[in-house]
Every structure is written in structure tokens, then in C-alpha cells.
Amino acid sequence: MQLYIQEVNFVTQPVKQLRGFRRVSLDPGESNAIEFTLGPDELSSLDREMHRAVQPGVFHVMVGGNSRKLRKCQTKSMP
């Protein structure tokens, strides 16, 4: 399972940033819940002065088995 973040703010960021990864082996027909915790380290990026901080704006959180087939949700950071 892979977790990607896309930031939408005033500082240009990569389209997708890998911020979490878990290798899980499943038998055919088996399912399992995977949990990721997002904190300041996962949501921070470099600002214009090259300081790492969580920028105000919108974050698209995407998860999936690979980088092409992702489920997406959106959240906003607090000012």
C-alpha cells in the first residue's frame, strides 16, 4: 500500500510525493485494513526561504497499491 500527498498552495510542489509505504502479503480473496498516520513530517514541505513547514492550503491524499491506481480525498491544513 502506498500513500501520496499532493499540496496545492503558493509554493510549487511535485505532483505526487510518496509519504508512506507498507508491504502486505494477502492470500487470494483476503483483505486487510492498512492505517497511515499523517503528521507534520508527512505534510511539511520547503517554503520560499527553504524552511520546512506545513503550508496553509489544500492537500490531496491518495492511497493505492501502486502510483497509477490511487483513491483520492482532499483536506485543508489549518492556518
PDB file of N, CA and C in Angstrom:
ATOM      1  N   MET A   1       0.844  -1.163   0.000  1.00  0.00           N
ATOM      2  CA  MET A   1       0.000   0.000   0.000  1.00  0.00           C
ATOM      3  C   MET A   1       0.890   1.227   0.000  1.00  0.00           C
ATOM      4  N   GLN A   2       0.550   2.176  -0.852  1.00  0.00           N
ATOM      5  CA  GLN A   2       1.331   3.403  -0.962  1.00  0.00           C
ATOM      6  C   GLN A   2       0.448   4.599  -0.645  1.00  0.00           C
ATOM      7  N   LEU A   3       1.015   5.613   0.016  1.00  0.00           N
ATOM      8  CA  LEU A   3       0.301   6.835   0.361  1.00  0.00           C
ATOM      9  C   LEU A   3       1.055   8.018  -0.238  1.00  0.00           C
ATOM     10  N   TYR A   4       0.345   8.841  -0.998  1.00  0.00           N
ATOM     11  CA  TYR A   4       0.928  10.010  -1.640  1.00  0.00           C
ATOM     12  C   TYR A   4       0.216  11.267  -1.157  1.00  0.00           C
ATOM     13  N   ILE A   5       0.945  12.379  -1.147  1.00  0.00           N
ATOM     14  CA  ILE A   5       0.398  13.694  -0.816  1.00  0.00           C
ATOM     15  C   ILE A   5       0.648  14.602  -2.001  1.00  0.00           C
ATOM     16  N   GLN A   6      -0.339  15.406  -2.355  1.00  0.00           N
ATOM     17  CA  GLN A   6      -0.162  16.478  -3.332  1.00  0.00           C
ATOM     18  C   GLN A   6      -0.601  17.763  -2.659  1.00  0.00           C
ATOM     19  N   GLU A   7       0.294  18.740  -2.595  1.00  0.00           N
ATOM     20  CA  GLU A   7      -0.021  20.036  -1.986  1.00  0.00           C
ATOM     21  C   GLU A   7      -0.489  21.001  -3.056  1.00  0.00           C
ATOM     22  N   VAL A   8      -1.496  21.780  -2.705  1.00  0.00           N
ATOM     23  CA  VAL A   8      -1.986  22.832  -3.588  1.00  0.00           C
ATOM     24  C   VAL A   8      -1.878  24.130  -2.803  1.00  0.00           C
ATOM     25  N   ASN A   9      -0.769  24.870  -3.002  1.00  0.00           N
ATOM     26  CA  ASN A   9      -0.555  26.131  -2.298  1.00  0.00           C
ATOM     27  C   ASN A   9       0.299  27.042  -3.167  1.00  0.00           C
ATOM     28  N   PHE A  10       0.796  28.121  -2.599  1.00  0.00           N
ATOM     29  CA  PHE A  10       1.513  29.128  -3.378  1.00  0.00           C
ATOM     30  C   PHE A  10       2.935  28.726  -3.758  1.00  0.00           C
ATOM     31  N   VAL A  11       3.487  27.680  -3.167  1.00  0.00           N
ATOM     32  CA  VAL A  11       4.826  27.208  -3.498  1.00  0.00           C
ATOM     33  C   VAL A  11       4.687  25.970  -4.382  1.00  0.00           C
ATOM     34  N   THR A  12       5.325  25.979  -5.540  1.00  0.00           N
ATOM     35  CA  THR A  12       5.221  24.851  -6.466  1.00  0.00           C
ATOM     36  C   THR A  12       5.785  23.587  -5.826  1.00  0.00           C
ATOM     37  N   GLN A  13       5.011  22.503  -5.915  1.00  0.00           N
ATOM     38  CA  GLN A  13       5.390  21.223  -5.329  1.00  0.00           C
ATOM     39  C   GLN A  13       5.274  20.130  -6.391  1.00  0.00           C
ATOM     40  N   PRO A  14       5.925  18.982  -6.162  1.00  0.00           N
ATOM     41  CA  PRO A  14       5.758  17.858  -7.086  1.00  0.00           C
ATOM     42  C   PRO A  14       4.290  17.432  -7.160  1.00  0.00           C
ATOM     43  N   VAL A  15       3.920  16.809  -8.272  1.00  0.00           N
ATOM     44  CA  VAL A  15       2.540  16.361  -8.450  1.00  0.00           C
ATOM     45  C   VAL A  15       2.155  15.356  -7.377  1.00  0.00           C
ATOM     46  N   LYS A  16       3.041  14.397  -7.078  1.00  0.00           N
ATOM     47  CA  LYS A  16       2.795  13.401  -6.035  1.00  0.00           C
ATOM     48  C   LYS A  16       4.078  13.222  -5.236  1.00  0.00           C
ATOM     49  N   GLN A  17       3.915  13.121  -3.925  1.00  0.00           N
ATOM     50  CA  GLN A  17       5.047  12.847  -3.049  1.00  0.00           C
ATOM     51  C   GLN A  17       4.732  11.602  -2.229  1.00  0.00           C
ATOM     52  N   LEU A  18       5.532  10.548  -2.370  1.00  0.00           N
ATOM     53  CA  LEU A  18       5.340   9.338  -1.591  1.00  0.00           C
ATOM     54  C   LEU A  18       5.646   9.647  -0.134  1.00  0.00           C
ATOM     55  N   ARG A  19       4.662   9.455   0.751  1.00  0.00           N
ATOM     56  CA  ARG A  19       4.838   9.780   2.175  1.00  0.00           C
ATOM     57  C   ARG A  19       4.577   8.601   3.093  1.00  0.00           C
ATOM     58  N   GLY A  20       4.235   7.443   2.529  1.00  0.00           N
ATOM     59  CA  GLY A  20       4.035   6.254   3.346  1.00  0.00           C
ATOM     60  C   GLY A  20       4.036   5.019   2.473  1.00  0.00           C
ATOM     61  N   PHE A  21       4.475   3.898   3.031  1.00  0.00           N
ATOM     62  CA  PHE A  21       4.543   2.647   2.290  1.00  0.00           C
ATOM     63  C   PHE A  21       4.440   1.490   3.265  1.00  0.00           C
ATOM     64  N   ARG A  22       3.625   0.501   2.940  1.00  0.00           N
ATOM     65  CA  ARG A  22       3.524  -0.731   3.725  1.00  0.00           C
ATOM     66  C   ARG A  22       3.468  -1.912   2.754  1.00  0.00           C
ATOM     67  N   ARG A  23       4.304  -2.920   2.984  1.00  0.00           N
ATOM     68  CA  ARG A  23       4.247  -4.149   2.190  1.00  0.00           C
ATOM     69  C   ARG A  23       3.362  -5.136   2.952  1.00  0.00           C
ATOM     70  N   VAL A  24       2.332  -5.618   2.275  1.00  0.00           N
ATOM     71  CA  VAL A  24       1.373  -6.538   2.889  1.00  0.00           C
ATOM     72  C   VAL A  24       1.168  -7.714   1.949  1.00  0.00           C
ATOM     73  N   SER A  25       1.296  -8.917   2.466  1.00  0.00           N
ATOM     74  CA  SER A  25       1.029 -10.114   1.671  1.00  0.00           C
ATOM     75  C   SER A  25      -0.374 -10.609   1.998  1.00  0.00           C
ATOM     76  N   LEU A  26      -1.163 -10.845   0.951  1.00  0.00           N
ATOM     77  CA  LEU A  26      -2.538 -11.326   1.123  1.00  0.00           C
ATOM     78  C   LEU A  26      -2.752 -12.588   0.313  1.00  0.00           C
ATOM     79  N   ASP A  27      -3.516 -13.511   0.860  1.00  0.00           N
ATOM     80  CA  ASP A  27      -3.941 -14.680   0.109  1.00  0.00           C
ATOM     81  C   ASP A  27      -5.088 -14.282  -0.808  1.00  0.00           C
ATOM     82  N   PRO A  28      -5.344 -15.057  -1.867  1.00  0.00           N
ATOM     83  CA  PRO A  28      -6.469 -14.725  -2.760  1.00  0.00           C
ATOM     84  C   PRO A  28      -7.781 -14.585  -1.982  1.00  0.00           C
ATOM     85  N   GLY A  29      -8.496 -13.487  -2.222  1.00  0.00           N
ATOM     86  CA  GLY A  29      -9.770 -13.220  -1.554  1.00  0.00           C
ATOM     87  C   GLY A  29      -9.629 -12.608  -0.167  1.00  0.00           C
ATOM     88  N   GLU A  30      -8.435 -12.532   0.366  1.00  0.00           N
ATOM     89  CA  GLU A  30      -8.211 -11.978   1.698  1.00  0.00           C
ATOM     90  C   GLU A  30      -8.128 -10.450   1.625  1.00  0.00           C
ATOM     91  N   SER A  31      -8.567  -9.775   2.681  1.00  0.00           N
ATOM     92  CA  SER A  31      -8.438  -8.323   2.768  1.00  0.00           C
ATOM     93  C   SER A  31      -7.853  -7.964   4.126  1.00  0.00           C
ATOM     94  N   ASN A  32      -7.336  -6.747   4.214  1.00  0.00           N
ATOM     95  CA  ASN A  32      -6.716  -6.294   5.453  1.00  0.00           C
ATOM     96  C   ASN A  32      -6.811  -4.776   5.502  1.00  0.00           C
ATOM     97  N   ALA A  33      -7.043  -4.210   6.663  1.00  0.00           N
ATOM     98  CA  ALA A  33      -7.070  -2.755   6.826  1.00  0.00           C
ATOM     99  C   ALA A  33      -5.642  -2.259   7.051  1.00  0.00           C
ATOM    100  N   ILE A  34      -5.274  -1.228   6.317  1.00  0.00           N
ATOM    101  CA  ILE A  34      -3.960  -0.609   6.456  1.00  0.00           C
ATOM    102  C   ILE A  34      -4.182   0.794   6.987  1.00  0.00           C
ATOM    103  N   GLU A  35      -3.391   1.196   7.976  1.00  0.00           N
ATOM    104  CA  GLU A  35      -3.557   2.505   8.592  1.00  0.00           C
ATOM    105  C   GLU A  35      -2.273   3.310   8.465  1.00  0.00           C
ATOM    106  N   PHE A  36      -2.399   4.565   8.032  1.00  0.00           N
ATOM    107  CA  PHE A  36      -1.286   5.504   7.980  1.00  0.00           C
ATOM    108  C   PHE A  36      -1.626   6.671   8.904  1.00  0.00           C
ATOM    109  N   THR A  37      -0.628   7.206   9.577  1.00  0.00           N
ATOM    110  CA  THR A  37      -0.800   8.396  10.392  1.00  0.00           C
ATOM    111  C   THR A  37      -0.070   9.547   9.711  1.00  0.00           C
ATOM    112  N   LEU A  38      -0.799  10.638   9.455  1.00  0.00           N
ATOM    113  CA  LEU A  38      -0.208  11.821   8.830  1.00  0.00           C
ATOM    114  C   LEU A  38       0.021  12.881   9.890  1.00  0.00           C
ATOM    115  N   GLY A  39       1.257  13.298  10.024  1.00  0.00           N
ATOM    116  CA  GLY A  39       1.614  14.349  10.969  1.00  0.00           C
ATOM    117  C   GLY A  39       2.415  15.425  10.262  1.00  0.00           C
ATOM    118  N   PRO A  40       3.003  16.334  11.012  1.00  0.00           N
ATOM    119  CA  PRO A  40       3.782  17.428  10.417  1.00  0.00           C
ATOM    120  C   PRO A  40       4.908  16.949   9.504  1.00  0.00           C
ATOM    121  N   ASP A  41       5.577  15.853   9.842  1.00  0.00           N
ATOM    122  CA  ASP A  41       6.667  15.369   8.990  1.00  0.00           C
ATOM    123  C   ASP A  41       6.160  14.961   7.609  1.00  0.00           C
ATOM    124  N   GLU A  42       4.997  14.335   7.544  1.00  0.00           N
ATOM    125  CA  GLU A  42       4.444  13.892   6.267  1.00  0.00           C
ATOM    126  C   GLU A  42       3.838  15.041   5.463  1.00  0.00           C
ATOM    127  N   LEU A  43       3.351  16.073   6.133  1.00  0.00           N
ATOM    128  CA  LEU A  43       2.665  17.174   5.448  1.00  0.00           C
ATOM    129  C   LEU A  43       3.551  18.389   5.202  1.00  0.00           C
ATOM    130  N   SER A  44       4.756  18.400   5.734  1.00  0.00           N
ATOM    131  CA  SER A  44       5.611  19.585   5.584  1.00  0.00           C
ATOM    132  C   SER A  44       6.323  19.588   4.237  1.00  0.00           C
ATOM    133  N   SER A  45       6.711  20.791   3.825  1.00  0.00           N
ATOM    134  CA  SER A  45       7.492  20.978   2.605  1.00  0.00           C
ATOM    135  C   SER A  45       8.367  22.215   2.797  1.00  0.00           C
ATOM    136  N   LEU A  46       9.229  22.466   1.835  1.00  0.00           N
ATOM    137  CA  LEU A  46      10.092  23.640   1.917  1.00  0.00           C
ATOM    138  C   LEU A  46       9.337  24.871   1.437  1.00  0.00           C
ATOM    139  N   ASP A  47       9.444  25.964   2.207  1.00  0.00           N
ATOM    140  CA  ASP A  47       8.804  27.214   1.788  1.00  0.00           C
ATOM    141  C   ASP A  47       9.778  28.021   0.928  1.00  0.00           C
ATOM    142  N   ARG A  48       9.412  29.239   0.602  1.00  0.00           N
ATOM    143  CA  ARG A  48      10.246  30.075  -0.279  1.00  0.00           C
ATOM    144  C   ARG A  48      11.626  30.364   0.298  1.00  0.00           C
ATOM    145  N   GLU A  49      11.741  30.368   1.621  1.00  0.00           N
ATOM    146  CA  GLU A  49      13.024  30.615   2.284  1.00  0.00           C
ATOM    147  C   GLU A  49      13.766  29.311   2.588  1.00  0.00           C
ATOM    148  N   MET A  50      13.270  28.198   2.043  1.00  0.00           N
ATOM    149  CA  MET A  50      13.865  26.871   2.211  1.00  0.00           C
ATOM    150  C   MET A  50      13.806  26.367   3.654  1.00  0.00           C
ATOM    151  N   HIS A  51      12.748  26.767   4.405  1.00  0.00           N
ATOM    152  CA  HIS A  51      12.485  26.241   5.743  1.00  0.00           C
ATOM    153  C   HIS A  51      11.365  25.215   5.623  1.00  0.00           C
ATOM    154  N   ARG A  52      11.496  24.126   6.354  1.00  0.00           N
ATOM    155  CA  ARG A  52      10.465  23.088   6.321  1.00  0.00           C
ATOM    156  C   ARG A  52       9.320  23.490   7.239  1.00  0.00           C
ATOM    157  N   ALA A  53       8.099  23.489   6.696  1.00  0.00           N
ATOM    158  CA  ALA A  53       6.907  23.852   7.464  1.00  0.00           C
ATOM    159  C   ALA A  53       5.679  23.294   6.768  1.00  0.00           C
ATOM    160  N   VAL A  54       4.589  23.168   7.514  1.00  0.00           N
ATOM    161  CA  VAL A  54       3.298  22.801   6.927  1.00  0.00           C
ATOM    162  C   VAL A  54       2.671  24.089   6.401  1.00  0.00           C
ATOM    163  N   GLN A  55       2.473  24.163   5.108  1.00  0.00           N
ATOM    164  CA  GLN A  55       1.932  25.359   4.470  1.00  0.00           C
ATOM    165  C   GLN A  55       0.407  25.329   4.504  1.00  0.00           C
ATOM    166  N   PRO A  56      -0.239  26.482   4.676  1.00  0.00           N
ATOM    167  CA  PRO A  56      -1.699  26.510   4.578  1.00  0.00           C
ATOM    168  C   PRO A  56      -2.101  26.203   3.145  1.00  0.00           C
ATOM    169  N   GLY A  57      -3.183  25.497   2.982  1.00  0.00           N
ATOM    170  CA  GLY A  57      -3.659  25.161   1.643  1.00  0.00           C
ATOM    171  C   GLY A  57      -4.406  23.853   1.645  1.00  0.00           C
ATOM    172  N   VAL A  58      -4.552  23.291   0.477  1.00  0.00           N
ATOM    173  CA  VAL A  58      -5.296  22.047   0.277  1.00  0.00           C
ATOM    174  C   VAL A  58      -4.304  20.911   0.053  1.00  0.00           C
ATOM    175  N   PHE A  59      -4.577  19.768   0.662  1.00  0.00           N
ATOM    176  CA  PHE A  59      -3.787  18.562   0.459  1.00  0.00           C
ATOM    177  C   PHE A  59      -4.678  17.507  -0.179  1.00  0.00           C
ATOM    178  N   HIS A  60      -4.210  16.901  -1.242  1.00  0.00           N
ATOM    179  CA  HIS A  60      -4.875  15.741  -1.822  1.00  0.00           C
ATOM    180  C   HIS A  60      -4.133  14.517  -1.284  1.00  0.00           C
ATOM    181  N   VAL A  61      -4.855  13.638  -0.615  1.00  0.00           N
ATOM    182  CA  VAL A  61      -4.279  12.424  -0.047  1.00  0.00           C
ATOM    183  C   VAL A  61      -4.712  11.270  -0.940  1.00  0.00           C
ATOM    184  N   MET A  62      -3.750  10.504  -1.430  1.00  0.00           N
ATOM    185  CA  MET A  62      -4.029   9.421  -2.369  1.00  0.00           C
ATOM    186  C   MET A  62      -3.418   8.126  -1.854  1.00  0.00           C
ATOM    187  N   VAL A  63      -4.165   7.045  -1.892  1.00  0.00           N
ATOM    188  CA  VAL A  63      -3.670   5.737  -1.472  1.00  0.00           C
ATOM    189  C   VAL A  63      -4.015   4.703  -2.529  1.00  0.00           C
ATOM    190  N   GLY A  64      -3.181   3.680  -2.627  1.00  0.00           N
ATOM    191  CA  GLY A  64      -3.440   2.606  -3.570  1.00  0.00           C
ATOM    192  C   GLY A  64      -2.310   1.601  -3.575  1.00  0.00           C
ATOM    193  N   GLY A  65      -2.499   0.560  -4.355  1.00  0.00           N
ATOM    194  CA  GLY A  65      -1.496  -0.494  -4.472  1.00  0.00           C
ATOM    195  C   GLY A  65      -0.319  -0.109  -5.343  1.00  0.00           C
ATOM    196  N   ASN A  66      -0.492   0.935  -6.166  1.00  0.00           N
ATOM    197  CA  ASN A  66       0.605   1.451  -6.984  1.00  0.00           C
ATOM    198  C   ASN A  66       0.330   2.919  -7.294  1.00  0.00           C
ATOM    199  N   SER A  67       1.272   3.589  -7.940  1.00  0.00           N
ATOM    200  CA  SER A  67       1.153   5.035  -8.158  1.00  0.00           C
ATOM    201  C   SER A  67       0.171   5.411  -9.265  1.00  0.00           C
ATOM    202  N   ARG A  68      -0.308   4.443 -10.020  1.00  0.00           N
ATOM    203  CA  ARG A  68      -1.238   4.736 -11.125  1.00  0.00           C
ATOM    204  C   ARG A  68      -2.698   4.521 -10.741  1.00  0.00           C
ATOM    205  N   LYS A  69      -2.957   3.586  -9.854  1.00  0.00           N
ATOM    206  CA  LYS A  69      -4.335   3.304  -9.417  1.00  0.00           C
ATOM    207  C   LYS A  69      -4.483   3.769  -7.971  1.00  0.00           C
ATOM    208  N   LEU A  70      -4.899   5.025  -7.810  1.00  0.00           N
ATOM    209  CA  LEU A  70      -4.984   5.633  -6.480  1.00  0.00           C
ATOM    210  C   LEU A  70      -6.397   6.101  -6.188  1.00  0.00           C
ATOM    211  N   ARG A  71      -6.799   5.993  -4.937  1.00  0.00           N
ATOM    212  CA  ARG A  71      -8.038   6.608  -4.453  1.00  0.00           C
ATOM    213  C   ARG A  71      -7.640   7.921  -3.808  1.00  0.00           C
ATOM    214  N   LYS A  72      -8.442   8.962  -4.039  1.00  0.00           N
ATOM    215  CA  LYS A  72      -8.055  10.309  -3.657  1.00  0.00           C
ATOM    216  C   LYS A  72      -9.101  10.941  -2.741  1.00  0.00           C
ATOM    217  N   CYS A  73      -8.634  11.678  -1.724  1.00  0.00           N
ATOM    218  CA  CYS A  73      -9.505  12.526  -0.932  1.00  0.00           C
ATOM    219  C   CYS A  73      -8.800  13.855  -0.735  1.00  0.00           C
ATOM    220  N   GLN A  74      -9.513  14.840  -0.247  1.00  0.00           N
ATOM    221  CA  GLN A  74      -8.967  16.198  -0.124  1.00  0.00           C
ATOM    222  C   GLN A  74      -9.188  16.697   1.294  1.00  0.00           C
ATOM    223  N   THR A  75      -8.218  17.423   1.818  1.00  0.00           N
ATOM    224  CA  THR A  75      -8.328  18.029   3.136  1.00  0.00           C
ATOM    225  C   THR A  75      -7.631  19.381   3.122  1.00  0.00           C
ATOM    226  N   LYS A  76      -7.925  20.231   4.064  1.00  0.00           N
ATOM    227  CA  LYS A  76      -7.282  21.545   4.172  1.00  0.00           C
ATOM    228  C   LYS A  76      -6.451  21.595   5.435  1.00  0.00           C
ATOM    229  N   SER A  77      -5.304  22.272   5.357  1.00  0.00           N
ATOM    230  CA  SER A  77      -4.497  22.473   6.568  1.00  0.00           C
ATOM    231  C   SER A  77      -5.036  23.680   7.300  1.00  0.00           C
ATOM    232  N   MET A  78      -4.832  23.692   8.591  1.00  0.00           N
ATOM    233  CA  MET A  78      -5.267  24.813   9.417  1.00  0.00           C
ATOM    234  C   MET A  78      -4.241  25.932   9.335  1.00  0.00           C
ATOM    235  N   PRO A  79      -4.668  27.201   9.379  1.00  0.00           N
ATOM    236  CA  PRO A  79      -3.710  28.311   9.322  1.00  0.00           C
ATOM    237  C   PRO A  79      -2.845  28.375  10.556  1.00  0.00           C
TER     238      PRO A  79
END
